[in-house]
């Protein structure tokens, strides 16, 4: 997620990548379909701040606020079995193993222990810890996730 930082067009980002080389000088990332070249990377007060060649003013940085940074598919590292990128999980239809429809994954909360998937059915949000005891199956081809909520999870 991007937000403006300072007056010269820099942006701060929330890093969810586990690839430490993802944000190196010269790498290309995308925001809203726009290619952006990383010119500078620095840590400021626990945040990662990027200087982007194509973004030189605060107004340009603010126009990117709230967008996700994407990387070309060719730059993605292979994942282990049962590992997924966030963009693969977002939008999946969620059902319990007994057939109850919980809506779609609308957000992923990154916590210290594990991610938490937020499924919304239009009237209620369901918080689903991304652990094997809860997330029973993910079928990317069918666009769905099957879950077994822990006792008391939805109370």
N, C-alpha and C. Protein backbone atom coordinates (compact mmCIF):
# COMPACT_ATOMS: atom_id res chain seq x y z
N UNK A 1 0.86 -1.16 0.00
CA UNK A 1 0.00 0.00 0.00
C UNK A 1 0.91 1.23 0.00
N UNK A 2 0.57 2.18 -0.82
CA UNK A 2 1.38 3.37 -0.97
C UNK A 2 0.79 4.55 -0.21
N UNK A 3 1.67 5.42 0.29
CA UNK A 3 1.25 6.73 0.81
C UNK A 3 2.39 7.71 0.55
N UNK A 4 2.03 8.98 0.37
CA UNK A 4 3.02 10.02 0.08
C UNK A 4 3.93 10.21 1.28
N UNK A 5 5.21 10.54 1.00
CA UNK A 5 6.19 10.76 2.06
C UNK A 5 7.05 11.96 1.66
N UNK A 6 6.98 13.02 2.42
CA UNK A 6 7.80 14.19 2.14
C UNK A 6 7.27 15.01 0.99
N UNK A 7 8.11 15.93 0.50
CA UNK A 7 7.68 16.89 -0.51
C UNK A 7 8.17 16.59 -1.92
N UNK A 8 9.10 15.62 -2.07
CA UNK A 8 9.73 15.38 -3.37
C UNK A 8 9.18 14.19 -4.13
N UNK A 9 8.02 13.69 -3.74
CA UNK A 9 7.42 12.59 -4.48
C UNK A 9 7.74 11.21 -3.99
N UNK A 10 8.44 11.10 -2.87
CA UNK A 10 8.72 9.78 -2.32
C UNK A 10 7.43 9.16 -1.78
N UNK A 11 7.43 7.83 -1.68
CA UNK A 11 6.28 7.11 -1.15
C UNK A 11 6.74 6.15 -0.08
N UNK A 12 5.93 5.99 0.95
CA UNK A 12 6.20 4.94 1.94
C UNK A 12 5.32 3.75 1.58
N UNK A 13 5.83 2.57 1.89
CA UNK A 13 5.09 1.36 1.54
C UNK A 13 5.02 0.43 2.74
N UNK A 14 3.97 -0.35 2.76
CA UNK A 14 3.85 -1.45 3.71
C UNK A 14 4.33 -2.69 2.99
N UNK A 15 5.42 -3.26 3.45
CA UNK A 15 6.04 -4.39 2.76
C UNK A 15 5.38 -5.69 3.21
N UNK A 16 4.83 -6.43 2.24
CA UNK A 16 4.28 -7.74 2.53
C UNK A 16 5.05 -8.83 1.78
N UNK A 17 6.05 -8.43 1.04
CA UNK A 17 6.88 -9.37 0.30
C UNK A 17 7.89 -10.01 1.24
N UNK A 18 8.17 -11.28 1.02
CA UNK A 18 9.21 -11.96 1.78
C UNK A 18 10.52 -12.01 1.00
N UNK A 19 10.53 -11.42 -0.17
CA UNK A 19 11.73 -11.38 -1.01
C UNK A 19 12.51 -10.11 -0.69
N UNK A 20 13.65 -10.21 -0.01
CA UNK A 20 14.38 -9.00 0.38
C UNK A 20 14.94 -8.22 -0.80
N UNK A 21 15.03 -8.83 -1.97
CA UNK A 21 15.54 -8.13 -3.16
C UNK A 21 14.44 -7.45 -3.96
N UNK A 22 13.22 -7.54 -3.51
CA UNK A 22 12.08 -7.00 -4.25
C UNK A 22 12.23 -5.50 -4.51
N UNK A 23 12.70 -4.77 -3.52
CA UNK A 23 12.75 -3.31 -3.62
C UNK A 23 14.19 -2.83 -3.69
N UNK A 24 14.83 -3.10 -4.82
CA UNK A 24 16.20 -2.64 -5.05
C UNK A 24 16.20 -1.59 -6.14
N UNK A 25 17.19 -0.72 -6.07
CA UNK A 25 17.37 0.32 -7.08
C UNK A 25 17.39 -0.31 -8.47
N UNK A 26 16.61 0.27 -9.38
CA UNK A 26 16.54 -0.22 -10.75
C UNK A 26 15.40 -1.17 -11.02
N UNK A 27 14.82 -1.77 -9.97
CA UNK A 27 13.67 -2.66 -10.17
C UNK A 27 12.45 -1.87 -10.62
N UNK A 28 11.60 -2.52 -11.40
CA UNK A 28 10.37 -1.90 -11.86
C UNK A 28 9.20 -2.52 -11.09
N UNK A 29 8.32 -1.66 -10.60
CA UNK A 29 7.09 -2.07 -9.94
C UNK A 29 5.94 -1.36 -10.64
N UNK A 30 4.72 -1.77 -10.36
CA UNK A 30 3.56 -1.19 -11.01
C UNK A 30 2.54 -0.74 -9.97
N UNK A 31 1.94 0.42 -10.23
CA UNK A 31 0.83 0.92 -9.41
C UNK A 31 -0.23 1.41 -10.39
N UNK A 32 -1.41 0.81 -10.31
CA UNK A 32 -2.48 1.19 -11.22
C UNK A 32 -2.12 1.02 -12.68
N UNK A 33 -1.29 0.02 -12.98
CA UNK A 33 -0.89 -0.24 -14.37
C UNK A 33 0.28 0.60 -14.84
N UNK A 34 0.72 1.56 -14.04
CA UNK A 34 1.83 2.44 -14.41
C UNK A 34 3.15 1.84 -13.95
N UNK A 35 4.11 1.72 -14.88
CA UNK A 35 5.44 1.21 -14.54
C UNK A 35 6.20 2.29 -13.79
N UNK A 36 6.82 1.91 -12.68
CA UNK A 36 7.58 2.84 -11.84
C UNK A 36 8.94 2.22 -11.55
N UNK A 37 10.00 2.98 -11.77
CA UNK A 37 11.35 2.50 -11.56
C UNK A 37 11.86 2.99 -10.21
N UNK A 38 12.35 2.07 -9.40
CA UNK A 38 12.86 2.42 -8.08
C UNK A 38 14.23 3.07 -8.23
N UNK A 39 14.36 4.31 -7.73
CA UNK A 39 15.63 5.03 -7.76
C UNK A 39 16.34 5.00 -6.42
N UNK A 40 15.56 4.96 -5.35
CA UNK A 40 16.15 5.02 -4.02
C UNK A 40 15.28 4.22 -3.06
N UNK A 41 15.93 3.53 -2.12
CA UNK A 41 15.23 2.77 -1.08
C UNK A 41 15.89 3.13 0.24
N UNK A 42 15.07 3.49 1.24
CA UNK A 42 15.63 3.76 2.55
C UNK A 42 14.62 3.41 3.63
N UNK A 43 15.15 3.17 4.82
CA UNK A 43 14.31 2.91 6.00
C UNK A 43 14.21 4.21 6.77
N UNK A 44 12.98 4.61 7.10
CA UNK A 44 12.75 5.81 7.89
C UNK A 44 11.72 5.48 8.95
N UNK A 45 12.12 5.56 10.20
CA UNK A 45 11.22 5.29 11.32
C UNK A 45 10.47 3.97 11.16
N UNK A 46 11.17 2.94 10.75
CA UNK A 46 10.57 1.62 10.60
C UNK A 46 9.76 1.42 9.34
N UNK A 47 9.72 2.41 8.46
CA UNK A 47 9.00 2.29 7.20
C UNK A 47 9.99 2.20 6.05
N UNK A 48 9.56 1.58 4.96
CA UNK A 48 10.36 1.58 3.75
C UNK A 48 9.86 2.72 2.89
N UNK A 49 10.79 3.59 2.48
CA UNK A 49 10.46 4.75 1.66
C UNK A 49 11.16 4.60 0.32
N UNK A 50 10.39 4.73 -0.75
CA UNK A 50 10.93 4.60 -2.10
C UNK A 50 10.94 5.93 -2.81
N UNK A 51 12.01 6.19 -3.54
CA UNK A 51 12.05 7.27 -4.52
C UNK A 51 11.84 6.64 -5.88
N UNK A 52 10.87 7.12 -6.62
CA UNK A 52 10.51 6.53 -7.91
C UNK A 52 10.83 7.53 -9.03
N UNK A 53 11.48 7.07 -10.09
CA UNK A 53 11.89 7.95 -11.18
C UNK A 53 10.71 8.74 -11.76
N UNK A 54 9.57 8.11 -11.89
CA UNK A 54 8.42 8.74 -12.56
C UNK A 54 7.58 9.61 -11.62
N UNK A 55 7.89 9.63 -10.35
CA UNK A 55 7.10 10.38 -9.37
C UNK A 55 8.03 11.39 -8.72
N UNK A 56 7.84 12.68 -9.04
CA UNK A 56 8.79 13.70 -8.59
C UNK A 56 8.17 14.78 -7.72
N UNK A 57 6.85 14.74 -7.53
CA UNK A 57 6.21 15.76 -6.69
C UNK A 57 5.30 15.07 -5.67
N UNK A 58 5.00 15.80 -4.62
CA UNK A 58 4.08 15.26 -3.61
C UNK A 58 2.70 15.00 -4.23
N UNK A 59 2.24 15.88 -5.12
CA UNK A 59 0.94 15.67 -5.77
C UNK A 59 0.90 14.35 -6.54
N UNK A 60 1.99 14.04 -7.25
CA UNK A 60 2.05 12.77 -7.98
C UNK A 60 2.05 11.58 -7.01
N UNK A 61 2.76 11.73 -5.90
CA UNK A 61 2.79 10.66 -4.90
C UNK A 61 1.41 10.49 -4.27
N UNK A 62 0.72 11.59 -3.98
CA UNK A 62 -0.62 11.50 -3.39
C UNK A 62 -1.61 10.85 -4.34
N UNK A 63 -1.41 11.01 -5.64
CA UNK A 63 -2.31 10.38 -6.62
C UNK A 63 -2.20 8.85 -6.57
N UNK A 64 -1.10 8.34 -6.03
CA UNK A 64 -0.89 6.89 -5.92
C UNK A 64 -1.36 6.35 -4.57
N UNK A 65 -1.73 7.25 -3.66
CA UNK A 65 -2.09 6.84 -2.29
C UNK A 65 -3.14 5.74 -2.29
N UNK A 66 -2.89 4.71 -1.46
CA UNK A 66 -3.83 3.62 -1.29
C UNK A 66 -3.70 2.50 -2.31
N UNK A 67 -2.90 2.71 -3.34
CA UNK A 67 -2.75 1.67 -4.36
C UNK A 67 -1.75 0.61 -3.89
N UNK A 68 -1.89 -0.56 -4.44
CA UNK A 68 -0.95 -1.65 -4.18
C UNK A 68 0.16 -1.60 -5.23
N UNK A 69 1.36 -1.93 -4.81
CA UNK A 69 2.46 -2.09 -5.75
C UNK A 69 2.46 -3.53 -6.24
N UNK A 70 2.52 -3.69 -7.53
CA UNK A 70 2.60 -5.01 -8.14
C UNK A 70 3.95 -5.19 -8.79
N UNK A 71 4.35 -6.42 -8.95
CA UNK A 71 5.60 -6.73 -9.64
C UNK A 71 5.25 -7.62 -10.83
N UNK A 72 6.09 -7.58 -11.87
CA UNK A 72 5.82 -8.45 -13.02
C UNK A 72 5.81 -9.92 -12.59
N UNK A 73 4.93 -10.70 -13.18
CA UNK A 73 4.82 -12.12 -12.85
C UNK A 73 6.15 -12.84 -13.03
N UNK A 74 6.97 -12.38 -13.98
CA UNK A 74 8.26 -13.02 -14.21
C UNK A 74 9.23 -12.81 -13.04
N UNK A 75 8.94 -11.81 -12.18
CA UNK A 75 9.81 -11.53 -11.03
C UNK A 75 9.36 -12.25 -9.76
N UNK A 76 8.24 -12.96 -9.82
CA UNK A 76 7.74 -13.64 -8.63
C UNK A 76 8.58 -14.88 -8.35
N UNK A 77 8.87 -15.07 -7.08
CA UNK A 77 9.59 -16.26 -6.68
C UNK A 77 8.63 -17.44 -6.61
N UNK A 78 9.09 -18.64 -6.95
CA UNK A 78 8.21 -19.80 -6.83
C UNK A 78 7.84 -20.02 -5.37
N UNK A 79 6.62 -20.46 -5.14
CA UNK A 79 6.13 -20.70 -3.79
C UNK A 79 6.13 -22.19 -3.47
N UNK A 80 6.15 -22.49 -2.20
CA UNK A 80 6.02 -23.87 -1.74
C UNK A 80 4.55 -24.29 -1.90
N UNK A 81 4.30 -25.58 -1.82
CA UNK A 81 2.92 -26.07 -1.85
C UNK A 81 2.17 -25.42 -0.69
N UNK A 82 0.93 -25.06 -0.89
CA UNK A 82 0.08 -24.42 0.11
C UNK A 82 0.55 -23.03 0.51
N UNK A 83 1.32 -22.35 -0.35
CA UNK A 83 1.65 -20.94 -0.16
C UNK A 83 1.03 -20.16 -1.32
N UNK A 84 0.57 -18.94 -1.03
CA UNK A 84 -0.11 -18.15 -2.04
C UNK A 84 0.29 -16.69 -1.91
N UNK A 85 0.26 -15.99 -3.02
CA UNK A 85 0.42 -14.54 -2.99
C UNK A 85 -0.91 -13.92 -2.60
N UNK A 86 -0.84 -12.76 -1.95
CA UNK A 86 -2.07 -12.09 -1.50
C UNK A 86 -3.06 -11.87 -2.64
N UNK A 87 -2.55 -11.48 -3.81
CA UNK A 87 -3.48 -11.21 -4.91
C UNK A 87 -4.18 -12.47 -5.40
N UNK A 88 -3.65 -13.64 -5.07
CA UNK A 88 -4.34 -14.89 -5.41
C UNK A 88 -5.49 -15.17 -4.44
N UNK A 89 -5.35 -14.71 -3.21
CA UNK A 89 -6.36 -14.97 -2.17
C UNK A 89 -7.50 -13.95 -2.23
N UNK A 90 -7.15 -12.68 -2.46
CA UNK A 90 -8.18 -11.65 -2.51
C UNK A 90 -9.21 -11.96 -3.58
N UNK A 91 -10.48 -11.90 -3.21
CA UNK A 91 -11.57 -12.15 -4.14
C UNK A 91 -12.09 -13.58 -4.15
N UNK A 92 -11.36 -14.51 -3.51
CA UNK A 92 -11.85 -15.89 -3.48
C UNK A 92 -13.19 -15.97 -2.76
N UNK A 93 -14.07 -16.84 -3.24
CA UNK A 93 -15.35 -17.11 -2.58
C UNK A 93 -15.08 -18.08 -1.45
N UNK A 94 -15.63 -17.79 -0.27
CA UNK A 94 -15.36 -18.60 0.91
C UNK A 94 -16.60 -19.36 1.33
N UNK A 95 -16.44 -20.67 1.54
CA UNK A 95 -17.51 -21.54 2.02
C UNK A 95 -16.97 -22.36 3.19
N UNK A 96 -17.84 -22.66 4.13
CA UNK A 96 -17.46 -23.61 5.17
C UNK A 96 -17.54 -25.00 4.59
N UNK A 97 -16.93 -25.97 5.24
CA UNK A 97 -16.95 -27.34 4.72
C UNK A 97 -18.36 -27.92 4.72
N UNK A 98 -19.28 -27.34 5.52
CA UNK A 98 -20.68 -27.81 5.49
C UNK A 98 -21.55 -26.98 4.54
N UNK A 99 -20.91 -26.12 3.72
CA UNK A 99 -21.64 -25.43 2.65
C UNK A 99 -22.11 -24.02 2.93
N UNK A 100 -21.86 -23.47 4.09
CA UNK A 100 -22.29 -22.10 4.40
C UNK A 100 -21.44 -21.10 3.62
N UNK A 101 -22.09 -20.16 2.94
CA UNK A 101 -21.41 -19.15 2.13
C UNK A 101 -21.02 -17.97 3.03
N UNK A 102 -19.73 -17.63 3.06
CA UNK A 102 -19.24 -16.52 3.88
C UNK A 102 -18.88 -15.30 3.04
N UNK A 103 -19.14 -15.34 1.76
CA UNK A 103 -18.83 -14.20 0.89
C UNK A 103 -17.45 -14.34 0.28
N UNK A 104 -16.82 -13.20 0.01
CA UNK A 104 -15.52 -13.16 -0.66
C UNK A 104 -14.46 -12.60 0.27
N UNK A 105 -13.21 -13.01 0.04
CA UNK A 105 -12.09 -12.42 0.77
C UNK A 105 -11.90 -11.00 0.25
N UNK A 106 -12.05 -10.03 1.14
CA UNK A 106 -11.97 -8.62 0.74
C UNK A 106 -10.71 -7.93 1.25
N UNK A 107 -10.06 -8.56 2.22
CA UNK A 107 -8.89 -7.93 2.83
C UNK A 107 -8.04 -9.00 3.49
N UNK A 108 -6.76 -8.74 3.59
CA UNK A 108 -5.86 -9.62 4.31
C UNK A 108 -5.13 -8.78 5.36
N UNK A 109 -5.28 -9.18 6.62
CA UNK A 109 -4.61 -8.49 7.71
C UNK A 109 -3.32 -9.25 8.00
N UNK A 110 -2.21 -8.53 8.01
CA UNK A 110 -0.93 -9.15 8.30
C UNK A 110 -0.64 -8.94 9.78
N UNK A 111 -0.55 -10.03 10.52
CA UNK A 111 -0.29 -9.96 11.95
C UNK A 111 1.06 -10.60 12.23
N UNK A 112 1.48 -10.58 13.46
CA UNK A 112 2.77 -11.16 13.80
C UNK A 112 2.80 -12.67 13.64
N UNK A 113 1.72 -13.33 13.99
CA UNK A 113 1.71 -14.80 13.99
C UNK A 113 1.33 -15.37 12.63
N UNK A 114 0.25 -14.89 12.06
CA UNK A 114 -0.24 -15.40 10.77
C UNK A 114 -1.15 -14.34 10.15
N UNK A 115 -1.36 -14.46 8.86
CA UNK A 115 -2.31 -13.57 8.21
C UNK A 115 -3.72 -13.90 8.68
N UNK A 116 -4.62 -12.94 8.53
CA UNK A 116 -6.04 -13.15 8.81
C UNK A 116 -6.79 -12.71 7.56
N UNK A 117 -7.59 -13.62 6.99
CA UNK A 117 -8.40 -13.30 5.82
C UNK A 117 -9.73 -12.74 6.30
N UNK A 118 -10.15 -11.63 5.70
CA UNK A 118 -11.43 -11.02 6.02
C UNK A 118 -12.39 -11.37 4.89
N UNK A 119 -13.42 -12.15 5.20
CA UNK A 119 -14.46 -12.50 4.22
C UNK A 119 -15.70 -11.70 4.56
N UNK A 120 -16.34 -11.16 3.53
CA UNK A 120 -17.53 -10.32 3.72
C UNK A 120 -18.65 -10.85 2.84
N UNK A 121 -19.83 -11.04 3.46
CA UNK A 121 -20.99 -11.52 2.70
C UNK A 121 -21.99 -10.42 2.41
N UNK A 122 -21.62 -9.18 2.67
CA UNK A 122 -22.51 -8.05 2.44
C UNK A 122 -23.18 -7.56 3.70
N UNK A 123 -23.31 -8.41 4.70
CA UNK A 123 -23.91 -7.99 5.96
C UNK A 123 -22.97 -8.21 7.14
N UNK A 124 -22.00 -9.11 6.98
CA UNK A 124 -21.12 -9.44 8.10
C UNK A 124 -19.72 -9.72 7.60
N UNK A 125 -18.75 -9.41 8.45
CA UNK A 125 -17.37 -9.76 8.17
C UNK A 125 -16.98 -10.97 9.01
N UNK A 126 -16.22 -11.87 8.41
CA UNK A 126 -15.72 -13.05 9.10
C UNK A 126 -14.20 -12.97 9.10
N UNK A 127 -13.58 -13.09 10.25
CA UNK A 127 -12.13 -13.06 10.37
C UNK A 127 -11.63 -14.50 10.44
N UNK A 128 -10.84 -14.88 9.46
CA UNK A 128 -10.39 -16.26 9.30
C UNK A 128 -8.87 -16.33 9.42
N UNK A 129 -8.36 -16.87 10.53
CA UNK A 129 -6.91 -17.00 10.63
C UNK A 129 -6.38 -17.93 9.55
N UNK A 130 -5.31 -17.52 8.91
CA UNK A 130 -4.73 -18.31 7.82
C UNK A 130 -3.83 -19.40 8.41
N UNK A 131 -4.49 -20.36 9.03
CA UNK A 131 -3.80 -21.52 9.62
C UNK A 131 -4.47 -22.78 9.10
N UNK A 132 -3.74 -23.86 9.08
CA UNK A 132 -4.23 -25.11 8.52
C UNK A 132 -5.49 -25.64 9.19
N UNK A 133 -5.67 -25.36 10.48
CA UNK A 133 -6.87 -25.84 11.17
C UNK A 133 -8.14 -25.14 10.69
N UNK A 134 -8.00 -23.96 10.09
CA UNK A 134 -9.16 -23.20 9.63
C UNK A 134 -9.28 -23.25 8.11
N UNK A 135 -8.21 -22.96 7.41
CA UNK A 135 -8.23 -22.95 5.94
C UNK A 135 -7.98 -24.38 5.48
N UNK A 136 -9.03 -25.01 5.01
CA UNK A 136 -8.94 -26.43 4.67
C UNK A 136 -8.54 -26.67 3.22
N UNK A 137 -8.97 -25.80 2.30
CA UNK A 137 -8.63 -25.98 0.89
C UNK A 137 -8.74 -24.66 0.16
N UNK A 138 -7.83 -24.46 -0.79
CA UNK A 138 -7.88 -23.30 -1.68
C UNK A 138 -7.81 -23.84 -3.10
N UNK A 139 -8.81 -23.48 -3.90
CA UNK A 139 -8.88 -23.91 -5.29
C UNK A 139 -8.85 -22.65 -6.15
N UNK A 140 -7.65 -22.30 -6.62
CA UNK A 140 -7.51 -21.08 -7.42
C UNK A 140 -8.24 -21.19 -8.75
N UNK A 141 -8.26 -22.38 -9.34
CA UNK A 141 -8.95 -22.55 -10.63
C UNK A 141 -10.44 -22.29 -10.51
N UNK A 142 -11.05 -22.68 -9.38
CA UNK A 142 -12.48 -22.47 -9.17
C UNK A 142 -12.77 -21.17 -8.41
N UNK A 143 -11.70 -20.50 -7.93
CA UNK A 143 -11.86 -19.23 -7.23
C UNK A 143 -12.53 -19.37 -5.87
N UNK A 144 -12.20 -20.44 -5.16
CA UNK A 144 -12.85 -20.61 -3.86
C UNK A 144 -11.93 -21.17 -2.79
N UNK A 145 -12.36 -20.92 -1.57
CA UNK A 145 -11.66 -21.37 -0.38
C UNK A 145 -12.66 -22.09 0.50
N UNK A 146 -12.23 -23.21 1.09
CA UNK A 146 -13.08 -23.95 2.02
C UNK A 146 -12.46 -23.81 3.41
N UNK A 147 -13.31 -23.49 4.39
CA UNK A 147 -12.80 -23.29 5.74
C UNK A 147 -13.60 -24.13 6.75
N UNK A 148 -12.96 -24.44 7.86
CA UNK A 148 -13.59 -25.07 9.02
C UNK A 148 -13.35 -24.12 10.19
N UNK A 149 -14.34 -23.30 10.55
CA UNK A 149 -14.12 -22.36 11.65
C UNK A 149 -13.88 -23.10 12.96
N UNK A 150 -12.96 -22.55 13.75
CA UNK A 150 -12.73 -23.11 15.09
C UNK A 150 -13.96 -22.85 15.94
N UNK A 151 -14.24 -23.68 16.93
CA UNK A 151 -15.41 -23.45 17.80
C UNK A 151 -15.36 -22.04 18.40
N UNK A 152 -16.48 -21.33 18.29
CA UNK A 152 -16.61 -19.99 18.84
C UNK A 152 -16.08 -18.88 17.94
N UNK A 153 -15.51 -19.22 16.78
CA UNK A 153 -14.92 -18.21 15.91
C UNK A 153 -15.93 -17.21 15.40
N UNK A 154 -17.17 -17.64 15.15
CA UNK A 154 -18.17 -16.73 14.58
C UNK A 154 -19.17 -16.24 15.64
N UNK A 155 -18.94 -16.54 16.91
CA UNK A 155 -19.86 -16.10 17.95
C UNK A 155 -19.58 -14.68 18.38
